[in-house]
Amino acid sequence: MKRLAVLLFQLVLSANSAFGTICNGNTSTITFTTDSANSSAGTIGPASIDGYGNLSSSCYNVPGATCEVVLCDMDSMTVRMGSQNGWKFTITGDIGELLASEGGHDVPFPTWLDGNTNSNSEWQTYNLLNAVPNISLLPDA
């Protein structure tokens, strides 16, 4: 019986890591694609989203890299560059208009975030187009 309880506990732990985080509200699905036309478009990172955390390096480490991020209960998204190395990328999915930025923004996409030698703090804030509110299990990014 004790062994069964341990196995069930391990199953729950693996299910949580496999199925991700419970999201109890609006979700926005964003896809980042690193520009593939420019050999210096990739970056060493890190790149991050306020309220989400660091993006996986597979989002930005080479030209053509791509990743999908699911954001819960956010009306806007601020993406930041955390190194002196720039990143040229396109955002698709539930992305709205650019609301504010520190540094340049090319319209339309692809855009560019370049690290600042003093504070590494270039950022861009976008409105998010939220999906219908629901309770769902979302995969971890």
Protein backbone atom coordinates (compact mmCIF):
# COMPACT_ATOMS: atom_id res chain seq x y z
CA MET A 1 0.00 0.00 0.00
CA LYS A 2 2.82 2.38 0.90
CA ARG A 3 4.54 1.61 -2.44
CA LEU A 4 1.29 2.37 -4.30
CA ALA A 5 1.04 5.76 -2.55
CA VAL A 6 4.62 6.58 -3.56
CA LEU A 7 3.94 5.59 -7.18
CA LEU A 8 0.79 7.73 -7.28
CA PHE A 9 2.70 10.68 -5.85
CA GLN A 10 5.39 10.27 -8.52
CA LEU A 11 2.70 10.07 -11.20
CA VAL A 12 1.14 13.33 -10.00
CA LEU A 13 4.54 15.04 -10.03
CA SER A 14 5.30 13.87 -13.56
CA ALA A 15 1.82 14.86 -14.76
CA ASN A 16 2.26 18.37 -13.37
CA SER A 17 5.55 18.81 -15.20
CA ALA A 18 4.16 17.24 -18.39
CA PHE A 19 0.92 19.17 -18.50
CA GLY A 20 2.15 22.46 -17.09
CA THR A 21 0.51 25.16 -15.10
CA ILE A 22 -3.18 25.66 -14.40
CA CYS A 23 -4.40 28.92 -15.90
CA ASN A 24 -7.67 30.27 -14.47
CA GLY A 25 -8.35 33.15 -16.83
CA ASN A 26 -7.48 34.71 -20.15
CA THR A 27 -4.66 33.12 -22.10
CA SER A 28 -2.57 34.61 -24.89
CA THR A 29 -0.40 32.47 -27.13
CA ILE A 30 2.64 34.25 -28.55
CA THR A 31 5.20 32.88 -31.01
CA PHE A 32 8.68 34.39 -31.23
CA THR A 33 10.64 33.75 -34.43
CA THR A 34 14.24 34.92 -34.74
CA ASP A 35 14.90 36.52 -38.12
CA SER A 36 16.53 34.09 -40.53
CA ALA A 37 17.59 36.60 -43.20
CA ASN A 38 20.27 38.12 -40.97
CA SER A 39 23.10 35.91 -39.73
CA SER A 40 23.54 38.11 -36.64
CA ALA A 41 19.82 38.05 -35.70
CA GLY A 42 20.27 35.48 -32.93
CA THR A 43 21.50 36.44 -29.48
CA ILE A 44 23.17 34.88 -26.48
CA GLY A 45 20.34 36.32 -24.35
CA PRO A 46 18.81 36.21 -21.96
CA ALA A 47 15.50 37.60 -23.20
CA SER A 48 12.59 37.74 -20.79
CA ILE A 49 8.93 38.67 -20.40
CA ASP A 50 7.86 40.62 -17.31
CA GLY A 51 5.64 38.40 -15.14
CA TYR A 52 6.68 35.27 -17.05
CA GLY A 53 10.45 35.02 -16.75
CA ASN A 54 13.29 34.14 -19.08
CA LEU A 55 12.53 32.70 -22.48
CA SER A 56 14.20 29.45 -23.43
CA SER A 57 17.43 30.02 -25.34
CA SER A 58 15.90 27.96 -28.14
CA CYS A 59 13.72 31.03 -28.85
CA TYR A 60 16.62 33.26 -29.82
CA ASN A 61 20.00 31.51 -29.98
CA VAL A 62 20.22 31.07 -33.78
CA PRO A 63 18.67 32.67 -36.88
CA GLY A 64 15.31 31.00 -37.58
CA ALA A 65 14.81 29.86 -33.96
CA THR A 66 11.18 29.79 -32.86
CA CYS A 67 9.17 29.14 -29.71
CA GLU A 68 5.63 29.45 -28.42
CA VAL A 69 4.78 31.01 -25.07
CA VAL A 70 1.40 30.89 -23.31
CA LEU A 71 0.74 33.84 -21.01
CA CYS A 72 -1.97 33.74 -18.33
CA ASP A 73 -4.07 36.68 -17.17
CA MET A 74 -1.95 39.38 -18.81
CA ASP A 75 -3.32 42.38 -20.74
CA SER A 76 0.09 43.43 -22.02
CA MET A 77 3.52 41.89 -22.47
CA THR A 78 6.91 43.54 -21.96
CA VAL A 79 9.80 41.71 -23.57
CA ARG A 80 13.32 42.66 -22.42
CA MET A 81 16.82 42.08 -23.72
CA GLY A 82 19.22 41.10 -20.96
CA SER A 83 22.55 41.26 -22.74
CA GLN A 84 24.60 43.62 -24.86
CA ASN A 85 23.96 41.35 -27.83
CA GLY A 86 20.93 42.28 -29.98
CA TRP A 87 17.99 40.14 -31.13
CA LYS A 88 16.00 40.58 -34.37
CA PHE A 89 12.65 38.79 -34.22
CA THR A 90 8.99 38.64 -35.19
CA ILE A 91 6.07 38.10 -32.79
CA THR A 92 2.89 36.42 -34.01
CA GLY A 93 -0.21 35.06 -32.34
CA ASP A 94 -2.28 37.00 -29.81
CA ILE A 95 -0.11 40.11 -30.13
CA GLY A 96 -1.61 43.58 -30.39
CA GLU A 97 -0.07 46.97 -31.02
CA LEU A 98 3.16 48.33 -29.62
CA LEU A 99 2.29 50.42 -26.55
CA ALA A 100 5.73 51.67 -25.50
CA SER A 101 9.42 50.92 -25.95
CA GLU A 102 12.90 51.80 -24.81
CA GLY A 103 15.08 51.57 -27.87
CA GLY A 104 14.12 50.96 -31.46
CA HIS A 105 11.15 49.18 -32.97
CA ASP A 106 10.88 48.37 -36.65
CA VAL A 107 7.35 48.45 -38.02
CA PRO A 108 6.16 46.06 -39.28
CA PHE A 109 8.01 43.07 -37.88
CA PRO A 110 10.75 41.95 -37.64
CA THR A 111 11.75 44.20 -34.77
CA TRP A 112 15.03 44.58 -32.92
CA LEU A 113 16.00 44.62 -29.24
CA ASP A 114 19.55 45.65 -28.53
CA GLY A 115 21.22 45.40 -25.15
CA ASN A 116 22.46 48.60 -23.58
CA THR A 117 26.09 48.65 -22.45
CA ASN A 118 25.12 50.38 -19.20
CA SER A 119 21.95 48.64 -18.05
CA ASN A 120 21.02 45.96 -20.61
CA SER A 121 17.50 47.31 -20.45
CA GLU A 122 15.94 47.72 -23.91
CA TRP A 123 12.31 46.65 -23.83
CA GLN A 124 9.08 46.69 -25.83
CA THR A 125 5.54 46.53 -24.44
CA TYR A 126 2.67 45.19 -26.55
CA ASN A 127 -1.07 44.91 -26.03
CA LEU A 128 -2.21 41.27 -25.87
CA LEU A 129 -5.29 39.91 -27.59
CA ASN A 130 -6.61 37.53 -24.94
CA ALA A 131 -8.43 34.31 -25.69
CA VAL A 132 -11.79 33.50 -24.16
CA PRO A 133 -11.48 33.01 -20.38
CA ASN A 134 -11.40 29.38 -19.36
CA ILE A 135 -9.76 26.94 -17.01
CA SER A 136 -7.21 24.83 -18.83
CA LEU A 137 -3.96 22.98 -18.37
CA LEU A 138 -1.20 24.65 -20.33
CA PRO A 139 2.22 23.20 -21.16
CA ASP A 140 5.19 24.77 -19.40
CA ALA A 141 7.38 26.92 -21.66
